[in-house]
Amino acid sequence: MRSFFSSLAARLGRDQRGATAVEYGIMVSLIAVVIIVAVTLLGGTLKETFNSVQCSVKGGAYTAASTTGGVTTDGKCSI
């Protein structure tokens, strides 16, 4: 009986097929977290940049968003 369990433990110790799947799962989840954090931090900046480019393509001048007295106003495009 003891030899059965020791041989079973040896076989399970050598079998690493599931280990790579777990490692890939951890890598994918970490990459997803990095992407979510980057989009969250850069989201507002990217929106302002795209609005500025859109206004420039139309031939106008873009005024960035501002905060006055706790109230945030959107950027304006004057053509």
PDB file of N, CA and C in Angstrom:
ATOM      1  N   MET A   1       0.820  -1.189   0.000  1.00  0.00           N
ATOM      2  CA  MET A   1       0.000   0.000   0.000  1.00  0.00           C
ATOM      3  C   MET A   1       0.866   1.255   0.000  1.00  0.00           C
ATOM      4  N   ARG A   2       1.928   1.227   0.764  1.00  0.00           N
ATOM      5  CA  ARG A   2       2.821   2.379   0.837  1.00  0.00           C
ATOM      6  C   ARG A   2       3.505   2.627  -0.505  1.00  0.00           C
ATOM      7  N   SER A   3       3.864   1.574  -1.208  1.00  0.00           N
ATOM      8  CA  SER A   3       4.517   1.728  -2.508  1.00  0.00           C
ATOM      9  C   SER A   3       3.548   2.314  -3.538  1.00  0.00           C
ATOM     10  N   PHE A   4       2.247   1.978  -3.407  1.00  0.00           N
ATOM     11  CA  PHE A   4       1.243   2.538  -4.319  1.00  0.00           C
ATOM     12  C   PHE A   4       1.187   4.059  -4.176  1.00  0.00           C
ATOM     13  N   PHE A   5       1.117   4.542  -2.926  1.00  0.00           N
ATOM     14  CA  PHE A   5       1.027   5.982  -2.703  1.00  0.00           C
ATOM     15  C   PHE A   5       2.316   6.704  -3.087  1.00  0.00           C
ATOM     16  N   SER A   6       3.450   6.085  -2.848  1.00  0.00           N
ATOM     17  CA  SER A   6       4.703   6.739  -3.223  1.00  0.00           C
ATOM     18  C   SER A   6       4.856   6.792  -4.736  1.00  0.00           C
ATOM     19  N   SER A   7       4.417   5.747  -5.453  1.00  0.00           N
ATOM     20  CA  SER A   7       4.490   5.798  -6.919  1.00  0.00           C
ATOM     21  C   SER A   7       3.472   6.792  -7.470  1.00  0.00           C
ATOM     22  N   LEU A   8       2.296   6.877  -6.840  1.00  0.00           N
ATOM     23  CA  LEU A   8       1.292   7.854  -7.267  1.00  0.00           C
ATOM     24  C   LEU A   8       1.798   9.278  -7.061  1.00  0.00           C
ATOM     25  N   ALA A   9       2.423   9.536  -5.922  1.00  0.00           N
ATOM     26  CA  ALA A   9       2.973  10.860  -5.640  1.00  0.00           C
ATOM     27  C   ALA A   9       4.092  11.209  -6.615  1.00  0.00           C
ATOM     28  N   ALA A  10       4.908  10.225  -6.982  1.00  0.00           N
ATOM     29  CA  ALA A  10       5.988  10.473  -7.936  1.00  0.00           C
ATOM     30  C   ALA A  10       5.425  10.813  -9.313  1.00  0.00           C
ATOM     31  N   ARG A  11       4.367  10.113  -9.732  1.00  0.00           N
ATOM     32  CA  ARG A  11       3.756  10.384 -11.042  1.00  0.00           C
ATOM     33  C   ARG A  11       3.106  11.773 -11.056  1.00  0.00           C
ATOM     34  N   LEU A  12       2.422  12.120  -9.981  1.00  0.00           N
ATOM     35  CA  LEU A  12       1.780  13.434  -9.921  1.00  0.00           C
ATOM     36  C   LEU A  12       2.811  14.555  -9.876  1.00  0.00           C
ATOM     37  N   GLY A  13       3.950  14.302  -9.258  1.00  0.00           N
ATOM     38  CA  GLY A  13       5.014  15.298  -9.195  1.00  0.00           C
ATOM     39  C   GLY A  13       5.643  15.560 -10.546  1.00  0.00           C
ATOM     40  N   ARG A  14       5.687  14.551 -11.401  1.00  0.00           N
ATOM     41  CA  ARG A  14       6.272  14.712 -12.733  1.00  0.00           C
ATOM     42  C   ARG A  14       5.298  15.280 -13.743  1.00  0.00           C
ATOM     43  N   ASP A  15       3.992  15.116 -13.503  1.00  0.00           N
ATOM     44  CA  ASP A  15       2.979  15.577 -14.455  1.00  0.00           C
ATOM     45  C   ASP A  15       2.790  17.079 -14.296  1.00  0.00           C
ATOM     46  N   GLN A  16       3.225  17.857 -15.294  1.00  0.00           N
ATOM     47  CA  GLN A  16       3.152  19.314 -15.219  1.00  0.00           C
ATOM     48  C   GLN A  16       2.304  19.907 -16.333  1.00  0.00           C
ATOM     49  N   ARG A  17       1.394  19.127 -16.881  1.00  0.00           N
ATOM     50  CA  ARG A  17       0.565  19.634 -17.970  1.00  0.00           C
ATOM     51  C   ARG A  17      -0.327  20.784 -17.513  1.00  0.00           C
ATOM     52  N   GLY A  18      -0.896  20.684 -16.334  1.00  0.00           N
ATOM     53  CA  GLY A  18      -1.779  21.737 -15.837  1.00  0.00           C
ATOM     54  C   GLY A  18      -1.027  22.968 -15.368  1.00  0.00           C
ATOM     55  N   ALA A  19       0.243  22.827 -15.058  1.00  0.00           N
ATOM     56  CA  ALA A  19       1.015  23.960 -14.541  1.00  0.00           C
ATOM     57  C   ALA A  19       1.149  25.059 -15.584  1.00  0.00           C
ATOM     58  N   THR A  20       1.368  24.705 -16.820  1.00  0.00           N
ATOM     59  CA  THR A  20       1.525  25.747 -17.843  1.00  0.00           C
ATOM     60  C   THR A  20       0.216  26.485 -18.079  1.00  0.00           C
ATOM     61  N   ALA A  21      -0.912  25.784 -18.001  1.00  0.00           N
ATOM     62  CA  ALA A  21      -2.199  26.452 -18.182  1.00  0.00           C
ATOM     63  C   ALA A  21      -2.431  27.474 -17.066  1.00  0.00           C
ATOM     64  N   VAL A  22      -2.068  27.114 -15.861  1.00  0.00           N
ATOM     65  CA  VAL A  22      -2.229  28.045 -14.734  1.00  0.00           C
ATOM     66  C   VAL A  22      -1.307  29.241 -14.910  1.00  0.00           C
ATOM     67  N   GLU A  23      -0.088  29.002 -15.343  1.00  0.00           N
ATOM     68  CA  GLU A  23       0.857  30.099 -15.552  1.00  0.00           C
ATOM     69  C   GLU A  23       0.360  31.045 -16.643  1.00  0.00           C
ATOM     70  N   TYR A  24      -0.153  30.503 -17.741  1.00  0.00           N
ATOM     71  CA  TYR A  24      -0.693  31.353 -18.795  1.00  0.00           C
ATOM     72  C   TYR A  24      -1.908  32.133 -18.300  1.00  0.00           C
ATOM     73  N   GLY A  25      -2.742  31.515 -17.487  1.00  0.00           N
ATOM     74  CA  GLY A  25      -3.899  32.209 -16.931  1.00  0.00           C
ATOM     75  C   GLY A  25      -3.493  33.383 -16.057  1.00  0.00           C
ATOM     76  N   ILE A  26      -2.455  33.185 -15.247  1.00  0.00           N
ATOM     77  CA  ILE A  26      -1.965  34.265 -14.399  1.00  0.00           C
ATOM     78  C   ILE A  26      -1.388  35.394 -15.251  1.00  0.00           C
ATOM     79  N   MET A  27      -0.637  35.044 -16.293  1.00  0.00           N
ATOM     80  CA  MET A  27      -0.067  36.068 -17.173  1.00  0.00           C
ATOM     81  C   MET A  27      -1.162  36.878 -17.863  1.00  0.00           C
ATOM     82  N   VAL A  28      -2.190  36.195 -18.365  1.00  0.00           N
ATOM     83  CA  VAL A  28      -3.281  36.889 -19.058  1.00  0.00           C
ATOM     84  C   VAL A  28      -4.020  37.814 -18.103  1.00  0.00           C
ATOM     85  N   SER A  29      -4.251  37.363 -16.875  1.00  0.00           N
ATOM     86  CA  SER A  29      -4.961  38.216 -15.922  1.00  0.00           C
ATOM     87  C   SER A  29      -4.123  39.434 -15.542  1.00  0.00           C
ATOM     88  N   LEU A  30      -2.816  39.281 -15.400  1.00  0.00           N
ATOM     89  CA  LEU A  30      -1.963  40.427 -15.095  1.00  0.00           C
ATOM     90  C   LEU A  30      -1.923  41.421 -16.251  1.00  0.00           C
ATOM     91  N   ILE A  31      -1.875  40.918 -17.471  1.00  0.00           N
ATOM     92  CA  ILE A  31      -1.896  41.799 -18.640  1.00  0.00           C
ATOM     93  C   ILE A  31      -3.215  42.565 -18.697  1.00  0.00           C
ATOM     94  N   ALA A  32      -4.319  41.889 -18.390  1.00  0.00           N
ATOM     95  CA  ALA A  32      -5.631  42.549 -18.391  1.00  0.00           C
ATOM     96  C   ALA A  32      -5.680  43.653 -17.337  1.00  0.00           C
ATOM     97  N   VAL A  33      -5.116  43.401 -16.165  1.00  0.00           N
ATOM     98  CA  VAL A  33      -5.103  44.419 -15.107  1.00  0.00           C
ATOM     99  C   VAL A  33      -4.290  45.631 -15.548  1.00  0.00           C
ATOM    100  N   VAL A  34      -3.154  45.410 -16.185  1.00  0.00           N
ATOM    101  CA  VAL A  34      -2.318  46.521 -16.662  1.00  0.00           C
ATOM    102  C   VAL A  34      -3.065  47.336 -17.711  1.00  0.00           C
ATOM    103  N   ILE A  35      -3.769  46.677 -18.617  1.00  0.00           N
ATOM    104  CA  ILE A  35      -4.526  47.387 -19.654  1.00  0.00           C
ATOM    105  C   ILE A  35      -5.643  48.212 -19.028  1.00  0.00           C
ATOM    106  N   ILE A  36      -6.353  47.635 -18.069  1.00  0.00           N
ATOM    107  CA  ILE A  36      -7.452  48.356 -17.422  1.00  0.00           C
ATOM    108  C   ILE A  36      -6.931  49.583 -16.686  1.00  0.00           C
ATOM    109  N   VAL A  37      -5.824  49.445 -15.970  1.00  0.00           N
ATOM    110  CA  VAL A  37      -5.251  50.576 -15.244  1.00  0.00           C
ATOM    111  C   VAL A  37      -4.791  51.655 -16.217  1.00  0.00           C
ATOM    112  N   ALA A  38      -4.140  51.258 -17.311  1.00  0.00           N
ATOM    113  CA  ALA A  38      -3.649  52.234 -18.284  1.00  0.00           C
ATOM    114  C   ALA A  38      -4.803  52.998 -18.927  1.00  0.00           C
ATOM    115  N   VAL A  39      -5.863  52.302 -19.294  1.00  0.00           N
ATOM    116  CA  VAL A  39      -7.001  52.969 -19.922  1.00  0.00           C
ATOM    117  C   VAL A  39      -7.687  53.901 -18.923  1.00  0.00           C
ATOM    118  N   THR A  40      -7.782  53.467 -17.678  1.00  0.00           N
ATOM    119  CA  THR A  40      -8.408  54.312 -16.659  1.00  0.00           C
ATOM    120  C   THR A  40      -7.608  55.591 -16.428  1.00  0.00           C
ATOM    121  N   LEU A  41      -6.289  55.454 -16.342  1.00  0.00           N
ATOM    122  CA  LEU A  41      -5.455  56.621 -16.069  1.00  0.00           C
ATOM    123  C   LEU A  41      -5.343  57.555 -17.270  1.00  0.00           C
ATOM    124  N   LEU A  42      -5.315  57.009 -18.471  1.00  0.00           N
ATOM    125  CA  LEU A  42      -5.111  57.830 -19.664  1.00  0.00           C
ATOM    126  C   LEU A  42      -6.398  58.179 -20.396  1.00  0.00           C
ATOM    127  N   GLY A  43      -7.532  57.693 -19.929  1.00  0.00           N
ATOM    128  CA  GLY A  43      -8.800  57.879 -20.631  1.00  0.00           C
ATOM    129  C   GLY A  43      -9.143  59.328 -20.877  1.00  0.00           C
ATOM    130  N   GLY A  44      -9.079  60.158 -19.840  1.00  0.00           N
ATOM    131  CA  GLY A  44      -9.421  61.573 -19.991  1.00  0.00           C
ATOM    132  C   GLY A  44      -8.460  62.297 -20.902  1.00  0.00           C
ATOM    133  N   THR A  45      -7.189  61.999 -20.777  1.00  0.00           N
ATOM    134  CA  THR A  45      -6.177  62.628 -21.621  1.00  0.00           C
ATOM    135  C   THR A  45      -6.375  62.253 -23.084  1.00  0.00           C
ATOM    136  N   LEU A  46      -6.682  61.003 -23.329  1.00  0.00           N
ATOM    137  CA  LEU A  46      -6.913  60.564 -24.708  1.00  0.00           C
ATOM    138  C   LEU A  46      -8.143  61.233 -25.301  1.00  0.00           C
ATOM    139  N   LYS A  47      -9.187  61.400 -24.486  1.00  0.00           N
ATOM    140  CA  LYS A  47     -10.397  62.059 -24.978  1.00  0.00           C
ATOM    141  C   LYS A  47     -10.086  63.485 -25.395  1.00  0.00           C
ATOM    142  N   GLU A  48      -9.346  64.205 -24.567  1.00  0.00           N
ATOM    143  CA  GLU A  48      -8.967  65.582 -24.897  1.00  0.00           C
ATOM    144  C   GLU A  48      -8.123  65.629 -26.171  1.00  0.00           C
ATOM    145  N   THR A  49      -7.200  64.690 -26.302  1.00  0.00           N
ATOM    146  CA  THR A  49      -6.332  64.662 -27.483  1.00  0.00           C
ATOM    147  C   THR A  49      -7.141  64.423 -28.747  1.00  0.00           C
ATOM    148  N   PHE A  50      -8.058  63.456 -28.706  1.00  0.00           N
ATOM    149  CA  PHE A  50      -8.869  63.167 -29.892  1.00  0.00           C
ATOM    150  C   PHE A  50      -9.798  64.334 -30.228  1.00  0.00           C
ATOM    151  N   ASN A  51     -10.347  64.984 -29.211  1.00  0.00           N
ATOM    152  CA  ASN A  51     -11.190  66.151 -29.477  1.00  0.00           C
ATOM    153  C   ASN A  51     -10.380  67.278 -30.112  1.00  0.00           C
ATOM    154  N   SER A  52      -9.155  67.477 -29.650  1.00  0.00           N
ATOM    155  CA  SER A  52      -8.293  68.504 -30.223  1.00  0.00           C
ATOM    156  C   SER A  52      -7.963  68.203 -31.680  1.00  0.00           C
ATOM    157  N   VAL A  53      -7.636  66.963 -31.970  1.00  0.00           N
ATOM    158  CA  VAL A  53      -7.318  66.570 -33.351  1.00  0.00           C
ATOM    159  C   VAL A  53      -8.546  66.727 -34.237  1.00  0.00           C
ATOM    160  N   GLN A  54      -9.711  66.324 -33.733  1.00  0.00           N
ATOM    161  CA  GLN A  54     -10.943  66.455 -34.506  1.00  0.00           C
ATOM    162  C   GLN A  54     -11.209  67.922 -34.843  1.00  0.00           C
ATOM    163  N   CYS A  55     -11.005  68.790 -33.878  1.00  0.00           N
ATOM    164  CA  CYS A  55     -11.225  70.210 -34.105  1.00  0.00           C
ATOM    165  C   CYS A  55     -10.224  70.761 -35.120  1.00  0.00           C
ATOM    166  N   SER A  56      -8.971  70.331 -35.018  1.00  0.00           N
ATOM    167  CA  SER A  56      -7.944  70.785 -35.960  1.00  0.00           C
ATOM    168  C   SER A  56      -8.251  70.340 -37.381  1.00  0.00           C
ATOM    169  N   VAL A  57      -8.774  69.130 -37.525  1.00  0.00           N
ATOM    170  CA  VAL A  57      -9.123  68.629 -38.861  1.00  0.00           C
ATOM    171  C   VAL A  57     -10.245  69.477 -39.456  1.00  0.00           C
ATOM    172  N   LYS A  58     -11.169  69.910 -38.611  1.00  0.00           N
ATOM    173  CA  LYS A  58     -12.261  70.755 -39.088  1.00  0.00           C
ATOM    174  C   LYS A  58     -11.791  72.178 -39.380  1.00  0.00           C
ATOM    175  N   GLY A  59     -10.569  72.533 -38.943  1.00  0.00           N
ATOM    176  CA  GLY A  59     -10.031  73.859 -39.203  1.00  0.00           C
ATOM    177  C   GLY A  59     -10.295  74.844 -38.088  1.00  0.00           C
ATOM    178  N   GLY A  60     -10.602  74.369 -36.908  1.00  0.00           N
ATOM    179  CA  GLY A  60     -10.916  75.257 -35.801  1.00  0.00           C
ATOM    180  C   GLY A  60      -9.807  75.310 -34.770  1.00  0.00           C
ATOM    181  N   ALA A  61     -10.056  76.049 -33.701  1.00  0.00           N
ATOM    182  CA  ALA A  61      -9.123  76.160 -32.584  1.00  0.00           C
ATOM    183  C   ALA A  61      -9.786  75.514 -31.374  1.00  0.00           C
ATOM    184  N   TYR A  62      -9.064  74.655 -30.693  1.00  0.00           N
ATOM    185  CA  TYR A  62      -9.613  73.909 -29.568  1.00  0.00           C
ATOM    186  C   TYR A  62      -9.203  74.560 -28.255  1.00  0.00           C
ATOM    187  N   THR A  63     -10.180  74.761 -27.376  1.00  0.00           N
ATOM    188  CA  THR A  63      -9.929  75.256 -26.030  1.00  0.00           C
ATOM    189  C   THR A  63     -10.158  74.092 -25.076  1.00  0.00           C
ATOM    190  N   ALA A  64      -9.139  73.734 -24.298  1.00  0.00           N
ATOM    191  CA  ALA A  64      -9.203  72.564 -23.423  1.00  0.00           C
ATOM    192  C   ALA A  64     -10.237  72.749 -22.323  1.00  0.00           C
ATOM    193  N   ALA A  65     -10.632  71.641 -21.721  1.00  0.00           N
ATOM    194  CA  ALA A  65     -11.585  71.665 -20.613  1.00  0.00           C
ATOM    195  C   ALA A  65     -10.963  72.363 -19.414  1.00  0.00           C
ATOM    196  N   SER A  66     -11.826  72.972 -18.599  1.00  0.00           N
ATOM    197  CA  SER A  66     -11.327  73.672 -17.416  1.00  0.00           C
ATOM    198  C   SER A  66     -12.232  73.359 -16.225  1.00  0.00           C
ATOM    199  N   THR A  67     -11.666  73.556 -15.030  1.00  0.00           N
ATOM    200  CA  THR A  67     -12.422  73.358 -13.796  1.00  0.00           C
ATOM    201  C   THR A  67     -12.444  74.682 -13.039  1.00  0.00           C
ATOM    202  N   THR A  68     -13.663  75.169 -12.784  1.00  0.00           N
ATOM    203  CA  THR A  68     -13.815  76.427 -12.059  1.00  0.00           C
ATOM    204  C   THR A  68     -14.841  76.221 -10.955  1.00  0.00           C
ATOM    205  N   GLY A  69     -14.411  76.429  -9.722  1.00  0.00           N
ATOM    206  CA  GLY A  69     -15.336  76.294  -8.597  1.00  0.00           C
ATOM    207  C   GLY A  69     -15.903  74.895  -8.454  1.00  0.00           C
ATOM    208  N   GLY A  70     -15.129  73.878  -8.817  1.00  0.00           N
ATOM    209  CA  GLY A  70     -15.587  72.496  -8.704  1.00  0.00           C
ATOM    210  C   GLY A  70     -16.436  72.031  -9.867  1.00  0.00           C
ATOM    211  N   VAL A  71     -16.687  72.927 -10.838  1.00  0.00           N
ATOM    212  CA  VAL A  71     -17.484  72.571 -12.013  1.00  0.00           C
ATOM    213  C   VAL A  71     -16.555  72.414 -13.196  1.00  0.00           C
ATOM    214  N   THR A  72     -16.621  71.250 -13.847  1.00  0.00           N
ATOM    215  CA  THR A  72     -15.764  70.983 -15.005  1.00  0.00           C
ATOM    216  C   THR A  72     -16.548  71.268 -16.280  1.00  0.00           C
ATOM    217  N   THR A  73     -15.949  72.077 -17.155  1.00  0.00           N
ATOM    218  CA  THR A  73     -16.570  72.348 -18.441  1.00  0.00           C
ATOM    219  C   THR A  73     -15.844  71.570 -19.518  1.00  0.00           C
ATOM    220  N   ASP A  74     -16.587  71.150 -20.538  1.00  0.00           N
ATOM    221  CA  ASP A  74     -15.985  70.410 -21.642  1.00  0.00           C
ATOM    222  C   ASP A  74     -15.157  71.359 -22.510  1.00  0.00           C
ATOM    223  N   GLY A  75     -14.235  70.757 -23.264  1.00  0.00           N
ATOM    224  CA  GLY A  75     -13.450  71.548 -24.204  1.00  0.00           C
ATOM    225  C   GLY A  75     -14.326  72.072 -25.319  1.00  0.00           C
ATOM    226  N   LYS A  76     -13.925  73.175 -25.892  1.00  0.00           N
ATOM    227  CA  LYS A  76     -14.725  73.805 -26.945  1.00  0.00           C
ATOM    228  C   LYS A  76     -13.927  73.909 -28.237  1.00  0.00           C
ATOM    229  N   CYS A  77     -14.623  73.733 -29.346  1.00  0.00           N
ATOM    230  CA  CYS A  77     -14.026  73.874 -30.655  1.00  0.00           C
ATOM    231  C   CYS A  77     -14.664  75.080 -31.341  1.00  0.00           C
ATOM    232  N   SER A  78     -13.858  76.081 -31.616  1.00  0.00           N
ATOM    233  CA  SER A  78     -14.388  77.254 -32.303  1.00  0.00           C
ATOM    234  C   SER A  78     -13.833  77.284 -33.711  1.00  0.00           C
ATOM    235  N   ILE A  79     -14.746  77.311 -34.663  1.00  0.00           N
ATOM    236  CA  ILE A  79     -14.366  77.267 -36.074  1.00  0.00           C
ATOM    237  C   ILE A  79     -14.477  78.652 -36.664  1.00  0.00           C
TER     238      ILE A  79
END
